[in-house]
Protein backbone atom coordinates (compact mmCIF):
# COMPACT_ATOMS: atom_id res chain seq x y z
CA MET A 1 -4.36 87.69 -26.67
CA ARG A 2 -2.62 87.60 -23.25
CA PHE A 3 -5.99 86.49 -22.01
CA LEU A 4 -6.64 83.40 -24.41
CA ARG A 5 -2.50 82.55 -23.50
CA SER A 6 -3.16 82.56 -19.95
CA ARG A 7 -6.78 80.66 -20.31
CA VAL A 8 -4.84 78.05 -22.75
CA GLU A 9 -2.15 77.58 -20.51
CA GLY A 10 -5.03 77.09 -17.55
CA LEU A 11 -6.44 74.72 -19.33
CA LEU A 12 -3.48 72.34 -20.09
CA ALA A 13 -2.61 72.53 -16.51
CA ALA A 14 -6.07 71.20 -15.69
CA ALA A 15 -5.79 68.56 -18.08
CA LEU A 16 -1.87 67.82 -16.88
CA VAL A 17 -3.38 67.81 -13.32
CA MET A 18 -6.47 65.52 -14.11
CA GLY A 19 -4.11 63.02 -16.16
CA VAL A 20 -2.09 62.99 -13.02
CA ALA A 21 -4.80 61.79 -10.88
CA ALA A 22 -6.28 59.46 -13.47
CA THR A 23 -2.54 57.72 -13.77
CA ALA A 24 -2.34 57.64 -9.94
CA ALA A 25 -6.37 56.15 -9.69
CA LEU A 26 -4.89 53.36 -12.03
CA SER A 27 -2.13 52.85 -10.44
CA TRP A 28 -4.10 52.12 -7.21
CA HIS A 29 -6.50 50.30 -8.65
CA ALA A 30 -3.98 48.16 -10.31
CA GLN A 31 -1.94 47.88 -7.01
CA GLN A 32 -5.08 46.38 -5.38
CA ASP A 33 -5.53 44.05 -8.14
CA ASP A 34 -2.00 42.98 -7.53
CA ALA A 35 -2.72 42.65 -3.74
CA ARG A 36 -5.54 40.47 -4.58
CA THR A 37 -4.29 38.36 -6.89
CA MET A 38 -1.09 37.62 -4.90
CA ALA A 39 -3.85 37.05 -1.75
CA GLY A 40 -5.34 34.12 -3.80
CA GLN A 41 -2.26 32.99 -4.91
CA GLN A 42 -0.87 32.70 -1.18
CA GLN A 43 -4.31 30.81 -0.82
CA THR A 44 -3.76 28.58 -3.40
CA ILE A 45 -0.27 27.84 -2.30
CA THR A 46 -1.02 27.20 1.42
CA ARG A 47 -3.91 25.09 0.59
CA GLN A 48 -2.03 22.96 -1.71
CA GLN A 49 0.81 22.96 1.01
CA ALA A 50 -1.47 21.54 3.65
CA GLU A 51 -2.78 18.74 1.12
CA ILE A 52 1.10 17.92 0.43
CA ASN A 53 1.44 17.60 4.39
CA GLU A 54 -1.61 15.35 4.61
CA LEU A 55 -0.07 13.12 1.96
CA MET A 56 3.00 12.90 3.28
CA ALA A 57 1.85 12.15 6.69
CA ARG A 58 -0.08 9.77 5.54
CA ALA A 59 2.51 7.84 3.51
CA GLY A 60 5.16 8.29 6.43
CA ASP A 61 7.94 5.58 6.69
CA PRO A 62 6.42 2.02 6.28
CA PRO A 63 5.22 0.70 9.34
CA ASP A 64 7.40 -1.56 11.42
CA TRP A 65 4.87 -4.98 12.12
CA THR A 66 7.61 -6.68 13.80
CA ARG A 67 7.89 -3.91 16.35
CA LEU A 68 4.20 -3.41 16.30
CA ALA A 69 3.23 -7.09 17.12
CA MET A 70 5.61 -7.03 20.08
CA ARG A 71 3.38 -4.18 21.22
CA VAL A 72 -0.21 -5.23 20.40
CA GLU A 73 0.52 -8.84 21.57
CA PRO A 74 0.85 -8.57 25.75
CA SER A 75 -2.88 -7.26 25.33
CA VAL A 76 -4.00 -9.95 23.86
CA PHE A 77 -5.21 -13.33 25.17
CA THR A 78 -6.90 -16.36 24.45
CA ILE A 79 -10.61 -16.70 25.55
CA SER A 80 -11.21 -20.59 26.63
CA THR A 81 -14.56 -22.37 27.51
CA ASP A 82 -15.29 -26.03 27.74
CA ALA A 83 -16.98 -25.64 24.42
CA GLY A 84 -14.39 -24.33 22.70
CA LEU A 85 -11.80 -21.22 22.34
CA GLY A 86 -11.25 -17.81 20.56
CA SER A 87 -9.40 -14.60 20.99
CA GLY A 88 -9.99 -11.26 23.31
CA TRP A 89 -8.05 -8.19 23.70
CA VAL A 90 -7.81 -5.65 26.56
CA VAL A 91 -10.11 -2.50 25.72
CA ASP A 92 -10.04 -0.87 29.62
CA SER A 93 -7.98 -1.65 32.96
CA GLY A 94 -7.93 0.40 36.22
CA PRO A 95 -7.52 -0.49 39.84
CA ALA A 96 -10.60 -2.99 39.74
CA GLY A 97 -9.11 -4.99 36.88
CA SER A 98 -9.17 -5.11 33.09
CA ASP A 99 -12.12 -5.69 30.62
CA LEU A 100 -11.45 -7.55 27.36
CA VAL A 101 -13.86 -7.54 24.36
CA THR A 102 -14.32 -10.71 22.35
CA ASN A 103 -16.98 -12.49 20.44
CA PHE A 104 -20.65 -13.20 21.87
CA HIS A 105 -20.01 -16.77 20.15
CA VAL A 106 -16.97 -17.36 21.57
CA VAL A 107 -18.54 -17.32 24.96
CA ALA A 108 -22.27 -18.55 23.93
CA ASP A 109 -22.67 -22.20 24.87
CA ALA A 110 -20.74 -21.18 28.29
CA LEU A 111 -23.78 -18.65 28.87
CA ALA A 112 -26.31 -21.29 27.27
CA SER A 113 -24.83 -24.07 30.16
CA GLY A 114 -25.53 -21.17 32.83
CA THR A 115 -21.99 -20.37 33.65
CA HIS A 116 -20.28 -16.93 33.10
CA SER A 117 -16.76 -18.54 34.00
CA VAL A 118 -14.19 -18.54 31.10
CA ASP A 119 -10.41 -19.06 31.10
CA VAL A 120 -8.25 -16.36 29.86
CA LEU A 121 -4.60 -17.41 28.76
CA GLN A 122 -1.65 -16.34 27.30
CA ALA A 123 1.40 -18.36 27.27
CA ASP A 124 1.92 -19.88 30.23
CA ARG A 125 -0.17 -17.64 32.24
CA THR A 126 -4.26 -18.38 33.28
CA LEU A 127 -6.59 -16.01 34.81
CA ALA A 128 -9.61 -16.49 35.70
CA GLY A 129 -12.26 -14.60 33.80
CA THR A 130 -16.08 -13.72 34.06
CA VAL A 131 -18.50 -12.76 31.10
CA VAL A 132 -20.22 -9.66 32.82
CA ARG A 133 -21.81 -8.43 29.22
CA ALA A 134 -23.47 -9.73 26.20
CA ASP A 135 -24.47 -8.87 22.69
CA ARG A 136 -26.29 -11.36 20.96
CA THR A 137 -27.74 -9.10 18.22
CA ASP A 138 -23.75 -7.63 17.68
CA ASP A 139 -22.19 -10.65 18.14
CA LEU A 140 -19.99 -9.12 21.22
CA ALA A 141 -19.13 -9.78 24.57
CA VAL A 142 -16.95 -8.61 27.65
CA VAL A 143 -15.15 -10.61 29.91
CA HIS A 144 -13.36 -9.30 33.14
CA VAL A 145 -10.53 -10.49 35.15
CA GLN A 146 -8.92 -8.88 38.28
CA ALA A 147 -5.60 -8.46 36.83
CA ARG A 148 -4.45 -4.97 35.54
CA LEU A 149 -3.72 -5.34 32.00
CA ALA A 150 -2.19 -3.11 29.15
CA PRO A 151 -5.20 -2.05 27.22
CA LEU A 152 -5.17 -1.26 23.47
CA ALA A 153 -5.88 2.20 21.90
CA ILE A 154 -9.04 2.65 19.69
CA ALA A 155 -8.87 4.19 16.28
CA PRO A 156 -10.98 7.40 16.13
CA GLN A 157 -12.08 7.16 12.63
CA ARG A 158 -12.69 4.44 10.00
CA PRO A 159 -9.78 2.76 8.53
CA ARG A 160 -9.52 3.72 4.40
CA LEU A 161 -9.85 1.56 1.79
CA GLY A 162 -6.38 -0.26 0.53
CA GLU A 163 -4.79 0.40 4.67
CA THR A 164 -2.66 -2.23 5.69
CA VAL A 165 -3.70 -4.10 9.13
CA MET A 166 -2.55 -6.66 11.19
CA VAL A 167 -4.86 -9.60 12.81
CA VAL A 168 -3.79 -10.88 16.65
CA GLY A 169 -5.34 -13.53 18.19
CA SER A 170 -5.30 -17.60 19.05
CA PRO A 171 -6.00 -19.41 15.48
CA LEU A 172 -6.33 -23.00 16.77
CA GLY A 173 -5.48 -22.32 20.07
CA LEU A 174 -1.93 -20.70 18.85
CA GLY A 175 -1.78 -17.59 20.71
CA GLY A 176 0.09 -14.54 19.65
CA THR A 177 -0.18 -15.34 16.09
CA ILE A 178 -0.39 -12.40 13.87
CA SER A 179 -1.51 -11.96 9.90
CA VAL A 180 -1.25 -8.95 7.72
CA GLY A 181 -3.14 -7.74 4.94
CA LEU A 182 -5.44 -5.19 3.74
CA VAL A 183 -8.68 -3.47 3.76
CA SER A 184 -10.63 -4.59 1.54
CA GLY A 185 -13.75 -3.01 1.60
CA PHE A 186 -16.92 -2.10 3.51
CA ARG A 187 -20.02 -4.11 3.50
CA SER A 188 -23.61 -4.16 5.18
CA ILE A 189 -24.56 -7.67 5.79
CA ASP A 190 -28.07 -8.51 7.02
CA GLY A 191 -28.15 -5.08 8.23
CA SER A 192 -24.91 -4.83 9.91
CA ASP A 193 -22.06 -3.21 8.94
CA TRP A 194 -18.36 -4.98 8.27
CA VAL A 195 -14.90 -4.27 7.75
CA GLN A 196 -13.67 -6.83 5.21
CA PHE A 197 -10.09 -7.73 5.37
CA SER A 198 -7.64 -9.84 3.30
CA ALA A 199 -5.42 -10.77 6.38
CA PRO A 200 -5.71 -14.54 6.80
CA ILE A 201 -7.63 -15.72 9.64
CA SER A 202 -9.28 -19.38 11.10
CA PRO A 203 -11.03 -20.96 14.01
CA GLY A 204 -9.93 -18.95 17.03
CA ASN A 205 -9.33 -15.91 15.59
CA SER A 206 -12.83 -14.94 16.40
CA GLY A 207 -12.90 -11.75 19.14
CA GLY A 208 -8.90 -10.87 18.49
CA PRO A 209 -8.12 -7.49 17.31
CA VAL A 210 -7.30 -5.80 13.55
CA VAL A 211 -4.91 -2.84 14.12
CA ASP A 212 -3.98 -0.35 11.90
CA ALA A 213 -0.21 0.68 11.12
CA ARG A 214 -0.52 2.66 14.23
CA GLY A 215 -1.40 -0.48 16.73
CA GLU A 216 -5.07 1.07 17.10
CA VAL A 217 -7.69 -1.19 16.89
CA ILE A 218 -10.21 -0.70 14.18
CA GLY A 219 -12.28 -4.11 14.49
CA ILE A 220 -12.89 -7.33 15.61
CA ALA A 221 -11.89 -10.25 13.99
CA SER A 222 -15.24 -12.31 13.55
CA GLY A 223 -15.71 -14.95 10.66
CA LYS A 224 -14.74 -15.17 6.99
CA PHE A 225 -16.38 -16.87 3.85
CA VAL A 226 -15.35 -20.15 3.46
CA GLY A 227 -15.94 -22.44 0.13
CA ASP A 228 -14.31 -23.59 -2.83
CA GLY A 229 -11.90 -21.18 -4.61
CA VAL A 230 -12.53 -18.44 -1.53
CA GLU A 231 -10.04 -16.56 -0.32
CA ALA A 232 -8.49 -14.23 2.23
CA LEU A 233 -12.01 -12.85 2.45
CA GLY A 234 -12.35 -11.86 6.55
CA PHE A 235 -15.03 -9.73 7.98
CA ALA A 236 -14.47 -7.55 11.33
CA ILE A 237 -16.94 -5.90 13.46
CA PRO A 238 -16.29 -1.89 13.40
CA VAL A 239 -14.59 -1.01 16.99
CA SER A 240 -17.18 2.00 16.68
CA ILE A 241 -19.98 -0.51 16.70
CA ALA A 242 -17.97 -2.39 19.71
CA CYS A 243 -17.42 0.74 21.72
CA ALA A 244 -21.29 1.91 21.24
CA SER A 245 -22.66 -1.62 21.66
CA LEU A 246 -20.75 -1.99 25.03
CA ARG A 247 -20.78 0.94 26.25
CA LEU A 248 -16.89 1.04 26.34
CA CYS A 249 -14.08 3.00 25.06
CA SER A 250 -15.30 6.34 26.18
CA ASP A 251 -11.88 7.30 27.80
CA THR A 252 -9.55 5.30 25.86
């Protein structure tokens, strides 16, 4: 009888130990599951916070177009030839002078007549310019002047659809004119890429910069669709094409 009681007590003790061990194991697994759940929740929170921060950074304060115009205008000039005029903007500057980007069609007649000389105008200032590079295919050209001028920054990436942009140039020779609109679309026309925008432009705007809310160039105003009932269909050459075609912007 004493032996049987000892045996039962031993079995009960073993069962108690196993029960404690099982409870500890279950508790450990539960803690691990809780840790994994919390880690997953923390990752989700971190990801969502990053997305919120990005959206807030994009939204930011509304752009001050008056201040931006004052900052951009000194780098935008009228390009004048005997055949007509257009606009150009400073892309690079150094001890040897400055390079301005414009459209090929702005200087095409001058080049066809055998001269590479153009006038670069801003208010009462006139600089002697020389066409040093031309790309008929992409409708781009570079005009060099001896003066050291302030260059504009280049946008590092393509603008977003619906982003507000500003065009600066010389419509009908009225230098320092600005207009504001939206990026309306991205088009491929005759094998070339274009940024479509709604800011009004007129003859003379060709070659002028289209800048974003940071004052960085996103494109070169080059033309528009015209016709009865057609409004606000302007097109710009993406600045990335200009940088690649003219071998510029690498240090900007």
